[in-house]
Amino acid sequence: MDVTIRNNIKAGTKVMIVQKPHQRTGQLTEGIVKDILTNSNIHPRGIKVRLESGIVGRVQEIIG
C-alpha cells in the first residue's frame, strides 16, 4: 500500500515511521496511528502522523 497517499492511512492503523532525528539513519519506530498530521492528500516523503505513544514521524510502512 502506498504510504504517500493520505487516504491509505487511518487512525488505528499499525505502521512503521521514521522520526525527524532518525531520517539519516533510517531507524524505524513501530506504533499505532492516533492522529494524521499531514493535511495534503499526497506527500512524497510519507504522511506525517502522531502515534498513540505521542511519537511523531512520517509513515514508511503499513503493517497488515
PDB file of N, CA and C in Angstrom:
ATOM      1  N   MET A   1       0.845  -1.189   0.000  1.00  0.00           N
ATOM      2  CA  MET A   1       0.000   0.000   0.000  1.00  0.00           C
ATOM      3  C   MET A   1       0.886   1.247   0.000  1.00  0.00           C
ATOM      4  N   ASP A   2       0.504   2.244  -0.750  1.00  0.00           N
ATOM      5  CA  ASP A   2       1.306   3.455  -0.923  1.00  0.00           C
ATOM      6  C   ASP A   2       1.228   4.354   0.322  1.00  0.00           C
ATOM      7  N   VAL A   3       2.385   4.598   0.957  1.00  0.00           N
ATOM      8  CA  VAL A   3       2.424   5.401   2.191  1.00  0.00           C
ATOM      9  C   VAL A   3       2.472   6.904   1.917  1.00  0.00           C
ATOM     10  N   THR A   4       2.485   7.296   0.637  1.00  0.00           N
ATOM     11  CA  THR A   4       2.494   8.724   0.310  1.00  0.00           C
ATOM     12  C   THR A   4       1.084   9.268   0.101  1.00  0.00           C
ATOM     13  N   ILE A   5       0.077   8.398   0.176  1.00  0.00           N
ATOM     14  CA  ILE A   5      -1.318   8.800  -0.033  1.00  0.00           C
ATOM     15  C   ILE A   5      -2.047   8.786   1.312  1.00  0.00           C
ATOM     16  N   ARG A   6      -2.604   9.928   1.675  1.00  0.00           N
ATOM     17  CA  ARG A   6      -3.239  10.118   2.980  1.00  0.00           C
ATOM     18  C   ARG A   6      -4.402   9.150   3.221  1.00  0.00           C
ATOM     19  N   ASN A   7      -5.194   8.877   2.183  1.00  0.00           N
ATOM     20  CA  ASN A   7      -6.375   8.012   2.336  1.00  0.00           C
ATOM     21  C   ASN A   7      -6.033   6.571   2.688  1.00  0.00           C
ATOM     22  N   ASN A   8      -4.777   6.151   2.497  1.00  0.00           N
ATOM     23  CA  ASN A   8      -4.361   4.787   2.826  1.00  0.00           C
ATOM     24  C   ASN A   8      -4.087   4.602   4.310  1.00  0.00           C
ATOM     25  N   ILE A   9      -4.043   5.706   5.065  1.00  0.00           N
ATOM     26  CA  ILE A   9      -3.676   5.651   6.480  1.00  0.00           C
ATOM     27  C   ILE A   9      -4.845   6.169   7.314  1.00  0.00           C
ATOM     28  N   LYS A  10      -5.256   5.377   8.286  1.00  0.00           N
ATOM     29  CA  LYS A  10      -6.368   5.755   9.164  1.00  0.00           C
ATOM     30  C   LYS A  10      -5.925   5.631  10.615  1.00  0.00           C
ATOM     31  N   ALA A  11      -6.639   6.290  11.515  1.00  0.00           N
ATOM     32  CA  ALA A  11      -6.398   6.118  12.946  1.00  0.00           C
ATOM     33  C   ALA A  11      -6.613   4.653  13.287  1.00  0.00           C
ATOM     34  N   GLY A  12      -5.708   4.088  14.082  1.00  0.00           N
ATOM     35  CA  GLY A  12      -5.794   2.687  14.453  1.00  0.00           C
ATOM     36  C   GLY A  12      -4.956   1.769  13.582  1.00  0.00           C
ATOM     37  N   THR A  13      -4.373   2.300  12.494  1.00  0.00           N
ATOM     38  CA  THR A  13      -3.533   1.507  11.605  1.00  0.00           C
ATOM     39  C   THR A  13      -2.158   1.292  12.241  1.00  0.00           C
ATOM     40  N   LYS A  14      -1.651   0.072  12.148  1.00  0.00           N
ATOM     41  CA  LYS A  14      -0.306  -0.234  12.655  1.00  0.00           C
ATOM     42  C   LYS A  14       0.706   0.109  11.560  1.00  0.00           C
ATOM     43  N   VAL A  15       1.711   0.936  11.909  1.00  0.00           N
ATOM     44  CA  VAL A  15       2.661   1.442  10.918  1.00  0.00           C
ATOM     45  C   VAL A  15       4.084   1.450  11.465  1.00  0.00           C
ATOM     46  N   MET A  16       5.027   1.632  10.555  1.00  0.00           N
ATOM     47  CA  MET A  16       6.420   1.903  10.890  1.00  0.00           C
ATOM     48  C   MET A  16       6.699   3.329  10.428  1.00  0.00           C
ATOM     49  N   ILE A  17       7.223   4.169  11.336  1.00  0.00           N
ATOM     50  CA  ILE A  17       7.513   5.560  10.984  1.00  0.00           C
ATOM     51  C   ILE A  17       9.000   5.848  11.159  1.00  0.00           C
ATOM     52  N   VAL A  18       9.460   6.909  10.508  1.00  0.00           N
ATOM     53  CA  VAL A  18      10.802   7.425  10.747  1.00  0.00           C
ATOM     54  C   VAL A  18      10.632   8.796  11.404  1.00  0.00           C
ATOM     55  N   GLN A  19      11.297   8.985  12.548  1.00  0.00           N
ATOM     56  CA  GLN A  19      11.248  10.253  13.252  1.00  0.00           C
ATOM     57  C   GLN A  19      12.256  11.207  12.617  1.00  0.00           C
ATOM     58  N   LYS A  20      12.045  12.502  12.780  1.00  0.00           N
ATOM     59  CA  LYS A  20      12.905  13.522  12.185  1.00  0.00           C
ATOM     60  C   LYS A  20      14.392  13.292  12.514  1.00  0.00           C
ATOM     61  N   PRO A  21      14.751  13.057  13.796  1.00  0.00           N
ATOM     62  CA  PRO A  21      16.182  12.862  14.091  1.00  0.00           C
ATOM     63  C   PRO A  21      16.777  11.588  13.494  1.00  0.00           C
ATOM     64  N   HIS A  22      15.935  10.648  13.065  1.00  0.00           N
ATOM     65  CA  HIS A  22      16.414   9.369  12.543  1.00  0.00           C
ATOM     66  C   HIS A  22      16.334   9.279  11.026  1.00  0.00           C
ATOM     67  N   GLN A  23      16.044  10.390  10.351  1.00  0.00           N
ATOM     68  CA  GLN A  23      15.882  10.338   8.899  1.00  0.00           C
ATOM     69  C   GLN A  23      17.165   9.907   8.188  1.00  0.00           C
ATOM     70  N   ARG A  24      18.313  10.319   8.694  1.00  0.00           N
ATOM     71  CA  ARG A  24      19.579   9.943   8.037  1.00  0.00           C
ATOM     72  C   ARG A  24      19.911   8.478   8.240  1.00  0.00           C
ATOM     73  N   THR A  25      19.633   7.938   9.433  1.00  0.00           N
ATOM     74  CA  THR A  25      19.947   6.539   9.715  1.00  0.00           C
ATOM     75  C   THR A  25      18.860   5.608   9.198  1.00  0.00           C
ATOM     76  N   GLY A  26      17.648   6.122   9.066  1.00  0.00           N
ATOM     77  CA  GLY A  26      16.535   5.302   8.605  1.00  0.00           C
ATOM     78  C   GLY A  26      15.949   4.413   9.684  1.00  0.00           C
ATOM     79  N   GLN A  27      16.283   4.682  10.950  1.00  0.00           N
ATOM     80  CA  GLN A  27      15.754   3.876  12.061  1.00  0.00           C
ATOM     81  C   GLN A  27      14.243   4.040  12.136  1.00  0.00           C
ATOM     82  N   LEU A  28      13.525   2.916  12.150  1.00  0.00           N
ATOM     83  CA  LEU A  28      12.066   2.939  12.146  1.00  0.00           C
ATOM     84  C   LEU A  28      11.508   2.645  13.533  1.00  0.00           C
ATOM     85  N   THR A  29      10.334   3.221  13.801  1.00  0.00           N
ATOM     86  CA  THR A  29       9.622   3.017  15.056  1.00  0.00           C
ATOM     87  C   THR A  29       8.236   2.466  14.725  1.00  0.00           C
ATOM     88  N   GLU A  30       7.839   1.420  15.422  1.00  0.00           N
ATOM     89  CA  GLU A  30       6.534   0.797  15.191  1.00  0.00           C
ATOM     90  C   GLU A  30       5.505   1.381  16.145  1.00  0.00           C
ATOM     91  N   GLY A  31       4.295   1.546  15.665  1.00  0.00           N
ATOM     92  CA  GLY A  31       3.233   2.030  16.533  1.00  0.00           C
ATOM     93  C   GLY A  31       1.897   2.063  15.828  1.00  0.00           C
ATOM     94  N   ILE A  32       0.892   2.542  16.563  1.00  0.00           N
ATOM     95  CA  ILE A  32      -0.471   2.635  16.040  1.00  0.00           C
ATOM     96  C   ILE A  32      -0.833   4.108  15.879  1.00  0.00           C
ATOM     97  N   VAL A  33      -1.366   4.464  14.718  1.00  0.00           N
ATOM     98  CA  VAL A  33      -1.685   5.853  14.386  1.00  0.00           C
ATOM     99  C   VAL A  33      -2.794   6.369  15.298  1.00  0.00           C
ATOM    100  N   LYS A  34      -2.535   7.534  15.899  1.00  0.00           N
ATOM    101  CA  LYS A  34      -3.555   8.230  16.688  1.00  0.00           C
ATOM    102  C   LYS A  34      -4.136   9.380  15.873  1.00  0.00           C
ATOM    103  N   ASP A  35      -3.248  10.224  15.296  1.00  0.00           N
ATOM    104  CA  ASP A  35      -3.670  11.388  14.505  1.00  0.00           C
ATOM    105  C   ASP A  35      -2.876  11.450  13.216  1.00  0.00           C
ATOM    106  N   ILE A  36      -3.514  11.938  12.159  1.00  0.00           N
ATOM    107  CA  ILE A  36      -2.828  12.216  10.895  1.00  0.00           C
ATOM    108  C   ILE A  36      -2.547  13.716  10.859  1.00  0.00           C
ATOM    109  N   LEU A  37      -1.276  14.084  10.711  1.00  0.00           N
ATOM    110  CA  LEU A  37      -0.874  15.490  10.795  1.00  0.00           C
ATOM    111  C   LEU A  37      -0.711  16.148   9.428  1.00  0.00           C
ATOM    112  N   THR A  38      -0.508  15.374   8.380  1.00  0.00           N
ATOM    113  CA  THR A  38      -0.377  15.928   7.030  1.00  0.00           C
ATOM    114  C   THR A  38      -1.759  16.305   6.507  1.00  0.00           C
ATOM    115  N   ASN A  39      -1.905  17.536   6.028  1.00  0.00           N
ATOM    116  CA  ASN A  39      -3.194  17.998   5.505  1.00  0.00           C
ATOM    117  C   ASN A  39      -3.402  17.653   4.030  1.00  0.00           C
ATOM    118  N   SER A  40      -2.310  17.628   3.252  1.00  0.00           N
ATOM    119  CA  SER A  40      -2.456  17.366   1.819  1.00  0.00           C
ATOM    120  C   SER A  40      -2.746  15.889   1.571  1.00  0.00           C
ATOM    121  N   ASN A  41      -3.346  15.588   0.422  1.00  0.00           N
ATOM    122  CA  ASN A  41      -3.724  14.209   0.085  1.00  0.00           C
ATOM    123  C   ASN A  41      -2.521  13.332  -0.235  1.00  0.00           C
ATOM    124  N   ILE A  42      -1.442  13.955  -0.746  1.00  0.00           N
ATOM    125  CA  ILE A  42      -0.235  13.211  -1.130  1.00  0.00           C
ATOM    126  C   ILE A  42       0.977  13.953  -0.590  1.00  0.00           C
ATOM    127  N   HIS A  43       1.936  13.196  -0.046  1.00  0.00           N
ATOM    128  CA  HIS A  43       3.212  13.785   0.378  1.00  0.00           C
ATOM    129  C   HIS A  43       4.326  12.839  -0.053  1.00  0.00           C
ATOM    130  N   PRO A  44       5.306  13.332  -0.837  1.00  0.00           N
ATOM    131  CA  PRO A  44       6.311  12.438  -1.428  1.00  0.00           C
ATOM    132  C   PRO A  44       7.212  11.722  -0.415  1.00  0.00           C
ATOM    133  N   ARG A  45       7.386  12.254   0.779  1.00  0.00           N
ATOM    134  CA  ARG A  45       8.262  11.616   1.775  1.00  0.00           C
ATOM    135  C   ARG A  45       7.475  10.800   2.803  1.00  0.00           C
ATOM    136  N   GLY A  46       6.173  10.675   2.624  1.00  0.00           N
ATOM    137  CA  GLY A  46       5.348   9.912   3.556  1.00  0.00           C
ATOM    138  C   GLY A  46       4.451  10.828   4.363  1.00  0.00           C
ATOM    139  N   ILE A  47       3.335  10.312   4.790  1.00  0.00           N
ATOM    140  CA  ILE A  47       2.339  11.069   5.551  1.00  0.00           C
ATOM    141  C   ILE A  47       2.801  11.189   7.007  1.00  0.00           C
ATOM    142  N   LYS A  48       2.756  12.398   7.551  1.00  0.00           N
ATOM    143  CA  LYS A  48       3.181  12.621   8.933  1.00  0.00           C
ATOM    144  C   LYS A  48       2.039  12.273   9.877  1.00  0.00           C
ATOM    145  N   VAL A  49       2.364  11.473  10.908  1.00  0.00           N
ATOM    146  CA  VAL A  49       1.361  11.018  11.866  1.00  0.00           C
ATOM    147  C   VAL A  49       1.891  11.150  13.296  1.00  0.00           C
ATOM    148  N   ARG A  50       0.951  11.122  14.245  1.00  0.00           N
ATOM    149  CA  ARG A  50       1.284  11.004  15.673  1.00  0.00           C
ATOM    150  C   ARG A  50       0.809   9.631  16.110  1.00  0.00           C
ATOM    151  N   LEU A  51       1.700   8.871  16.733  1.00  0.00           N
ATOM    152  CA  LEU A  51       1.340   7.554  17.227  1.00  0.00           C
ATOM    153  C   LEU A  51       0.645   7.675  18.575  1.00  0.00           C
ATOM    154  N   GLU A  52       0.020   6.581  19.031  1.00  0.00           N
ATOM    155  CA  GLU A  52      -0.634   6.573  20.339  1.00  0.00           C
ATOM    156  C   GLU A  52       0.355   6.849  21.462  1.00  0.00           C
ATOM    157  N   SER A  53       1.640   6.555  21.228  1.00  0.00           N
ATOM    158  CA  SER A  53       2.683   6.812  22.224  1.00  0.00           C
ATOM    159  C   SER A  53       3.100   8.285  22.257  1.00  0.00           C
ATOM    160  N   GLY A  54       2.616   9.083  21.284  1.00  0.00           N
ATOM    161  CA  GLY A  54       2.949  10.502  21.229  1.00  0.00           C
ATOM    162  C   GLY A  54       4.093  10.807  20.275  1.00  0.00           C
ATOM    163  N   ILE A  55       4.737   9.800  19.722  1.00  0.00           N
ATOM    164  CA  ILE A  55       5.853   9.995  18.798  1.00  0.00           C
ATOM    165  C   ILE A  55       5.315  10.458  17.453  1.00  0.00           C
ATOM    166  N   VAL A  56       6.016  11.442  16.848  1.00  0.00           N
ATOM    167  CA  VAL A  56       5.619  11.984  15.553  1.00  0.00           C
ATOM    168  C   VAL A  56       6.659  11.591  14.507  1.00  0.00           C
ATOM    169  N   GLY A  57       6.183  11.198  13.328  1.00  0.00           N
ATOM    170  CA  GLY A  57       7.098  10.867  12.234  1.00  0.00           C
ATOM    171  C   GLY A  57       6.332  10.610  10.954  1.00  0.00           C
ATOM    172  N   ARG A  58       7.084  10.282   9.910  1.00  0.00           N
ATOM    173  CA  ARG A  58       6.488  10.012   8.598  1.00  0.00           C
ATOM    174  C   ARG A  58       6.379   8.503   8.371  1.00  0.00           C
ATOM    175  N   VAL A  59       5.218   8.083   7.886  1.00  0.00           N
ATOM    176  CA  VAL A  59       4.962   6.662   7.663  1.00  0.00           C
ATOM    177  C   VAL A  59       5.866   6.149   6.540  1.00  0.00           C
ATOM    178  N   GLN A  60       6.558   5.043   6.820  1.00  0.00           N
ATOM    179  CA  GLN A  60       7.409   4.372   5.837  1.00  0.00           C
ATOM    180  C   GLN A  60       6.840   3.032   5.412  1.00  0.00           C
ATOM    181  N   GLU A  61       6.081   2.397   6.307  1.00  0.00           N
ATOM    182  CA  GLU A  61       5.458   1.094   6.007  1.00  0.00           C
ATOM    183  C   GLU A  61       4.127   0.998   6.720  1.00  0.00           C
ATOM    184  N   ILE A  62       3.190   0.315   6.076  1.00  0.00           N
ATOM    185  CA  ILE A  62       1.924  -0.025   6.728  1.00  0.00           C
ATOM    186  C   ILE A  62       1.978  -1.521   7.020  1.00  0.00           C
ATOM    187  N   ILE A  63       1.741  -1.889   8.274  1.00  0.00           N
ATOM    188  CA  ILE A  63       1.827  -3.291   8.689  1.00  0.00           C
ATOM    189  C   ILE A  63       0.413  -3.887   8.708  1.00  0.00           C
ATOM    190  N   GLY A  64       0.250  -4.978   7.991  1.00  0.00           N
ATOM    191  CA  GLY A  64      -1.044  -5.675   7.995  1.00  0.00           C
ATOM    192  C   GLY A  64      -2.070  -4.905   7.270  1.00  0.00           C
TER     193      GLY A  64
END
